[in-house]
Amino acid sequence: MFYVQRGKKRYAYTSTSVYEPGSKYPKTVNEYLGILDENTGKIIPKKKRSKKSLILLKLMRLKKIP
């Protein structure tokens, strides 16, 4: 687990290596866990998105709508 400081917030991530056939080196995959609470030292989990918002995001990316 590692933390990235952006502004006043610290974001928690996990890192794993994944083998890719045909590649010389393994690929590093980082997964976002949430925000670190400075007072308690606990990680506030990331917010989950509804299916509807995920579908809208995919459509926006396909159509490249700003």
Protein backbone atom coordinates (compact mmCIF):
# COMPACT_ATOMS: atom_id res chain seq x y z
CA MET A 1 0.00 0.00 0.00
CA PHE A 2 1.25 3.48 -0.77
CA TYR A 3 -0.03 7.04 -0.47
CA VAL A 4 -0.01 9.95 -2.92
CA GLN A 5 -0.24 13.51 -1.59
CA ARG A 6 -2.28 15.91 -3.76
CA GLY A 7 -2.92 19.26 -2.19
CA LYS A 8 -4.00 18.69 1.41
CA LYS A 9 -5.34 15.14 0.88
CA ARG A 10 -3.51 11.80 0.87
CA TYR A 11 -4.88 9.08 -1.43
CA ALA A 12 -4.32 5.37 -0.68
CA TYR A 13 -3.47 2.85 -3.40
CA THR A 14 -2.44 -0.80 -3.65
CA SER A 15 0.02 -1.98 -6.25
CA THR A 16 0.29 -5.40 -7.91
CA SER A 17 2.34 -6.76 -10.79
CA VAL A 18 0.61 -8.55 -13.66
CA TYR A 19 2.36 -10.69 -16.24
CA GLU A 20 1.63 -9.74 -19.85
CA PRO A 21 2.51 -12.31 -22.52
CA GLY A 22 4.88 -10.91 -25.12
CA SER A 23 6.08 -8.13 -22.83
CA LYS A 24 9.59 -8.05 -21.44
CA TYR A 25 8.54 -6.76 -18.02
CA PRO A 26 5.43 -7.21 -15.84
CA LYS A 27 2.85 -4.44 -15.82
CA THR A 28 2.16 -2.58 -12.56
CA VAL A 29 -1.53 -2.16 -11.75
CA ASN A 30 -2.49 0.41 -9.11
CA GLU A 31 -5.92 0.26 -7.46
CA TYR A 32 -7.39 3.30 -5.73
CA LEU A 33 -8.67 2.50 -2.22
CA GLY A 34 -9.79 5.87 -0.85
CA ILE A 35 -8.69 8.96 1.07
CA LEU A 36 -6.58 8.75 4.23
CA ASP A 37 -8.19 10.45 7.24
CA GLU A 38 -5.37 12.35 8.94
CA ASN A 39 -7.09 12.40 12.36
CA THR A 40 -7.85 8.69 12.72
CA GLY A 41 -5.34 7.21 10.27
CA LYS A 42 -8.10 5.16 8.62
CA ILE A 43 -8.91 5.01 4.92
CA ILE A 44 -12.26 6.46 3.84
CA PRO A 45 -13.41 4.08 1.06
CA LYS A 46 -13.92 5.32 -2.48
CA LYS A 47 -17.46 6.17 -3.53
CA LYS A 48 -19.30 3.61 -5.62
CA ARG A 49 -21.02 4.72 -8.81
CA SER A 50 -24.43 3.58 -9.93
CA LYS A 51 -24.85 1.59 -13.15
CA LYS A 52 -26.63 4.53 -14.76
CA SER A 53 -23.72 6.92 -14.19
CA LEU A 54 -21.23 4.33 -15.49
CA ILE A 55 -23.24 3.94 -18.70
CA LEU A 56 -23.35 7.72 -19.13
CA LEU A 57 -19.59 7.96 -18.62
CA LYS A 58 -18.98 5.31 -21.30
CA LEU A 59 -21.25 7.14 -23.73
CA MET A 60 -19.50 10.44 -23.05
CA ARG A 61 -16.11 8.84 -23.68
CA LEU A 62 -17.26 7.27 -26.93
CA LYS A 63 -18.78 10.50 -28.22
CA LYS A 64 -16.00 12.61 -26.65
CA ILE A 65 -18.50 15.04 -25.12
CA PRO A 66 -16.77 17.57 -22.82
